[in-house]
Amino acid sequence: MTSQEAIGVLMLSPFYFKMSPVDRKKLVQEYCDLFNKSVMQQKDSDNSKK
């Protein structure tokens, strides 16, 4: 997931706009990292089923 995609998702929450820019940047990075990690785990799981 790119930062722009993450921001698009996170902007759906009203809490996102109450955060400071520094905190928003950190949240976006954490969100991308967790999303990408879960995608990789899903791919690994799918590959092990084959």
Protein backbone atom coordinates (compact mmCIF):
# COMPACT_ATOMS: atom_id res chain seq x y z
CA MET A 1 0.00 0.00 0.00
CA THR A 2 1.28 3.42 -0.85
CA SER A 3 1.19 6.40 1.48
CA GLN A 4 -1.45 8.06 -0.69
CA GLU A 5 -3.71 4.99 -0.48
CA ALA A 6 -3.25 4.86 3.30
CA ILE A 7 -4.07 8.54 3.67
CA GLY A 8 -7.24 8.02 1.64
CA VAL A 9 -8.36 5.29 4.05
CA LEU A 10 -7.27 7.10 7.19
CA MET A 11 -9.02 10.32 6.17
CA LEU A 12 -12.32 8.50 6.61
CA SER A 13 -11.77 8.77 10.36
CA PRO A 14 -12.50 12.11 12.04
CA PHE A 15 -9.66 11.36 14.48
CA TYR A 16 -7.14 11.63 11.66
CA PHE A 17 -7.79 15.38 11.41
CA LYS A 18 -7.34 15.89 15.14
CA MET A 19 -3.77 14.57 14.98
CA SER A 20 -0.68 16.68 14.47
CA PRO A 21 1.09 16.39 11.09
CA VAL A 22 3.97 14.52 12.75
CA ASP A 23 1.56 12.02 14.32
CA ARG A 24 -0.30 11.63 11.02
CA LYS A 25 2.94 10.82 9.22
CA LYS A 26 3.81 8.21 11.83
CA LEU A 27 0.32 6.70 11.63
CA VAL A 28 0.48 6.48 7.84
CA GLN A 29 3.84 4.71 8.00
CA GLU A 30 2.64 2.28 10.67
CA TYR A 31 -0.55 1.59 8.72
CA CYS A 32 1.38 0.87 5.52
CA ASP A 33 3.84 -1.37 7.35
CA LEU A 34 1.09 -3.40 9.01
CA PHE A 35 -0.95 -3.65 5.82
CA ASN A 36 2.04 -4.78 3.76
CA LYS A 37 3.06 -7.29 6.44
CA SER A 38 -0.43 -8.80 6.46
CA VAL A 39 -0.44 -9.04 2.65
CA MET A 40 2.89 -10.87 2.71
CA GLN A 41 1.62 -13.27 5.39
CA GLN A 42 -1.48 -13.96 3.31
CA LYS A 43 0.64 -14.68 0.23
CA ASP A 44 2.86 -17.02 2.25
CA SER A 45 -0.22 -18.79 3.57
CA ASP A 46 -1.67 -19.14 0.09
CA ASN A 47 1.61 -20.51 -1.27
CA SER A 48 1.88 -23.12 1.48
CA LYS A 49 -1.60 -24.43 0.61
CA LYS A 50 -0.52 -25.26 -2.93
